[in-house]
Amino acid sequence: MKTLFQKIIDREIPAKLAHEDEHCIAIHDIQPQAPVHLLIIPRQPIARLAAAAPGDQALLGHLLLTAQALAKTLKLDAGYRIVINNGSHGGESVPHLHIHLLGGRQLAWPPG
């Protein structure tokens, strides 16, 4: 069964696209927690970070470098946060690995 994110990648569900390349897409979160809240989603379905394998190293690095490039493009020079939720206690709601890029305001710590 396809996840929500796979359906977005396959264009079965619309989303506001911020970035797209051969390895991933980035979309605007529909429930933003900051003025900038993007989800960077690999095209290759990996259920969660804990399910990533050594062969996924290049893809995981690509996701982080994509987050860095988007932060630069969006002029988040004062700072931003990268979040990966893993498992139910980690706040995971969709079993498809994705990175949250949050910024545009002062972010508090601890986050949750």
C-alpha atoms as a PDB file:
ATOM      1  CA  MET A   1       0.000   0.000   0.000  1.00  0.00           C
ATOM      2  CA  LYS A   2       1.339   3.431  -0.931  1.00  0.00           C
ATOM      3  CA  THR A   3       2.019   5.991   1.762  1.00  0.00           C
ATOM      4  CA  LEU A   4       0.631   9.504   1.577  1.00  0.00           C
ATOM      5  CA  PHE A   5       4.067  10.733   0.507  1.00  0.00           C
ATOM      6  CA  GLN A   6       4.369   8.122  -2.233  1.00  0.00           C
ATOM      7  CA  LYS A   7       0.994   9.259  -3.568  1.00  0.00           C
ATOM      8  CA  ILE A   8       2.286  12.858  -3.576  1.00  0.00           C
ATOM      9  CA  ILE A   9       5.475  11.777  -5.371  1.00  0.00           C
ATOM     10  CA  ASP A  10       3.348   9.906  -7.936  1.00  0.00           C
ATOM     11  CA  ARG A  11       1.136  13.019  -8.357  1.00  0.00           C
ATOM     12  CA  GLU A  12      -1.971  11.196  -7.151  1.00  0.00           C
ATOM     13  CA  ILE A  13      -2.402  13.782  -4.388  1.00  0.00           C
ATOM     14  CA  PRO A  14      -1.605  17.471  -4.956  1.00  0.00           C
ATOM     15  CA  ALA A  15       0.981  19.307  -2.874  1.00  0.00           C
ATOM     16  CA  LYS A  16       2.725  22.670  -2.999  1.00  0.00           C
ATOM     17  CA  LEU A  17       6.126  21.769  -4.404  1.00  0.00           C
ATOM     18  CA  ALA A  18       9.224  23.666  -3.288  1.00  0.00           C
ATOM     19  CA  HIS A  19      11.882  21.462  -4.924  1.00  0.00           C
ATOM     20  CA  GLU A  20      12.172  18.397  -7.098  1.00  0.00           C
ATOM     21  CA  ASP A  21      15.097  16.375  -8.405  1.00  0.00           C
ATOM     22  CA  GLU A  22      15.780  12.771  -9.344  1.00  0.00           C
ATOM     23  CA  HIS A  23      16.260  11.720  -5.691  1.00  0.00           C
ATOM     24  CA  CYS A  24      13.690  13.688  -3.711  1.00  0.00           C
ATOM     25  CA  ILE A  25      10.940  16.253  -3.565  1.00  0.00           C
ATOM     26  CA  ALA A  26      10.323  19.031  -1.059  1.00  0.00           C
ATOM     27  CA  ILE A  27       6.815  20.191  -0.265  1.00  0.00           C
ATOM     28  CA  HIS A  28       5.276  22.770   2.025  1.00  0.00           C
ATOM     29  CA  ASP A  29       3.814  21.195   5.167  1.00  0.00           C
ATOM     30  CA  ILE A  30       0.015  21.540   5.301  1.00  0.00           C
ATOM     31  CA  GLN A  31       0.209  22.196   9.068  1.00  0.00           C
ATOM     32  CA  PRO A  32       3.284  24.423   9.327  1.00  0.00           C
ATOM     33  CA  GLN A  33       4.920  24.799  12.723  1.00  0.00           C
ATOM     34  CA  ALA A  34       7.027  27.779  11.614  1.00  0.00           C
ATOM     35  CA  PRO A  35       6.882  30.420   8.849  1.00  0.00           C
ATOM     36  CA  VAL A  36       9.031  28.044   6.773  1.00  0.00           C
ATOM     37  CA  HIS A  37       8.137  24.368   7.146  1.00  0.00           C
ATOM     38  CA  LEU A  38       9.140  22.088   4.298  1.00  0.00           C
ATOM     39  CA  LEU A  39       9.176  18.307   4.103  1.00  0.00           C
ATOM     40  CA  ILE A  40      12.051  16.802   2.126  1.00  0.00           C
ATOM     41  CA  ILE A  41      10.995  13.349   0.972  1.00  0.00           C
ATOM     42  CA  PRO A  42      13.103  10.753  -0.826  1.00  0.00           C
ATOM     43  CA  ARG A  43      11.559   9.185  -3.909  1.00  0.00           C
ATOM     44  CA  GLN A  44      12.899   5.837  -2.715  1.00  0.00           C
ATOM     45  CA  PRO A  45      10.555   4.649   0.006  1.00  0.00           C
ATOM     46  CA  ILE A  46      12.376   4.044   3.302  1.00  0.00           C
ATOM     47  CA  ALA A  47       9.939   3.570   6.165  1.00  0.00           C
ATOM     48  CA  ARG A  48      11.997   5.484   8.746  1.00  0.00           C
ATOM     49  CA  LEU A  49      15.579   6.337   9.626  1.00  0.00           C
ATOM     50  CA  ALA A  50      15.849   3.142  11.688  1.00  0.00           C
ATOM     51  CA  ALA A  51      15.090   1.164   8.501  1.00  0.00           C
ATOM     52  CA  ALA A  52      17.841   2.837   6.448  1.00  0.00           C
ATOM     53  CA  ALA A  53      20.665   0.602   5.287  1.00  0.00           C
ATOM     54  CA  PRO A  54      24.343   1.341   4.624  1.00  0.00           C
ATOM     55  CA  GLY A  55      23.477   1.476   0.908  1.00  0.00           C
ATOM     56  CA  ASP A  56      21.231   4.487   1.626  1.00  0.00           C
ATOM     57  CA  GLN A  57      24.147   6.647   2.759  1.00  0.00           C
ATOM     58  CA  ALA A  58      24.364   8.719  -0.434  1.00  0.00           C
ATOM     59  CA  LEU A  59      20.609   9.333  -0.459  1.00  0.00           C
ATOM     60  CA  LEU A  60      20.586  10.394   3.200  1.00  0.00           C
ATOM     61  CA  GLY A  61      23.429  12.810   2.506  1.00  0.00           C
ATOM     62  CA  HIS A  62      21.561  14.160  -0.518  1.00  0.00           C
ATOM     63  CA  LEU A  63      18.501  14.870   1.641  1.00  0.00           C
ATOM     64  CA  LEU A  64      20.570  16.898   4.113  1.00  0.00           C
ATOM     65  CA  LEU A  65      22.370  18.819   1.381  1.00  0.00           C
ATOM     66  CA  THR A  66      18.994  19.542  -0.235  1.00  0.00           C
ATOM     67  CA  ALA A  67      17.776  20.914   3.113  1.00  0.00           C
ATOM     68  CA  GLN A  68      20.902  23.095   3.295  1.00  0.00           C
ATOM     69  CA  ALA A  69      20.370  24.427  -0.233  1.00  0.00           C
ATOM     70  CA  LEU A  70      16.691  25.165   0.413  1.00  0.00           C
ATOM     71  CA  ALA A  71      17.568  26.990   3.640  1.00  0.00           C
ATOM     72  CA  LYS A  72      20.047  29.131   1.711  1.00  0.00           C
ATOM     73  CA  THR A  73      17.519  29.838  -1.065  1.00  0.00           C
ATOM     74  CA  LEU A  74      14.892  30.775   1.537  1.00  0.00           C
ATOM     75  CA  LYS A  75      17.406  33.084   3.258  1.00  0.00           C
ATOM     76  CA  LEU A  76      17.239  31.323   6.615  1.00  0.00           C
ATOM     77  CA  ASP A  77      20.597  32.898   7.465  1.00  0.00           C
ATOM     78  CA  ALA A  78      19.668  33.418  11.141  1.00  0.00           C
ATOM     79  CA  GLY A  79      19.209  29.667  11.544  1.00  0.00           C
ATOM     80  CA  TYR A  80      16.894  26.756  10.966  1.00  0.00           C
ATOM     81  CA  ARG A  81      16.084  23.338  12.367  1.00  0.00           C
ATOM     82  CA  ILE A  82      16.223  19.913  10.732  1.00  0.00           C
ATOM     83  CA  VAL A  83      13.957  17.246  12.268  1.00  0.00           C
ATOM     84  CA  ILE A  84      13.571  13.552  11.493  1.00  0.00           C
ATOM     85  CA  ASN A  85      10.826  11.772  13.438  1.00  0.00           C
ATOM     86  CA  ASN A  86      11.409   8.039  13.958  1.00  0.00           C
ATOM     87  CA  GLY A  87       8.742   5.734  15.372  1.00  0.00           C
ATOM     88  CA  SER A  88       5.573   6.530  17.284  1.00  0.00           C
ATOM     89  CA  HIS A  89       7.370   7.959  20.325  1.00  0.00           C
ATOM     90  CA  GLY A  90       9.406  10.149  17.986  1.00  0.00           C
ATOM     91  CA  GLY A  91       6.288  11.684  16.462  1.00  0.00           C
ATOM     92  CA  GLU A  92       6.340   9.753  13.173  1.00  0.00           C
ATOM     93  CA  SER A  93       2.944   9.968  11.499  1.00  0.00           C
ATOM     94  CA  VAL A  94       3.752   8.744   7.961  1.00  0.00           C
ATOM     95  CA  PRO A  95       5.910   5.624   7.519  1.00  0.00           C
ATOM     96  CA  HIS A  96       8.045   7.180   4.771  1.00  0.00           C
ATOM     97  CA  LEU A  97      11.298   8.820   5.848  1.00  0.00           C
ATOM     98  CA  HIS A  98      11.254  12.601   5.499  1.00  0.00           C
ATOM     99  CA  ILE A  99      13.108  15.607   6.848  1.00  0.00           C
ATOM    100  CA  HIS A 100      11.381  18.657   8.280  1.00  0.00           C
ATOM    101  CA  LEU A 101      13.077  21.986   7.529  1.00  0.00           C
ATOM    102  CA  LEU A 102      11.785  24.658   9.918  1.00  0.00           C
ATOM    103  CA  GLY A 103      12.779  28.299  10.132  1.00  0.00           C
ATOM    104  CA  GLY A 104      11.761  31.894   9.785  1.00  0.00           C
ATOM    105  CA  ARG A 105      11.415  32.555  13.532  1.00  0.00           C
ATOM    106  CA  GLN A 106      13.218  31.885  16.801  1.00  0.00           C
ATOM    107  CA  LEU A 107      12.751  28.209  17.594  1.00  0.00           C
ATOM    108  CA  ALA A 108      12.494  27.110  21.216  1.00  0.00           C
ATOM    109  CA  TRP A 109      14.381  24.323  22.979  1.00  0.00           C
ATOM    110  CA  PRO A 110      13.541  21.701  24.046  1.00  0.00           C
ATOM    111  CA  PRO A 111      11.241  21.120  21.084  1.00  0.00           C
ATOM    112  CA  GLY A 112       8.751  18.729  22.603  1.00  0.00           C
END
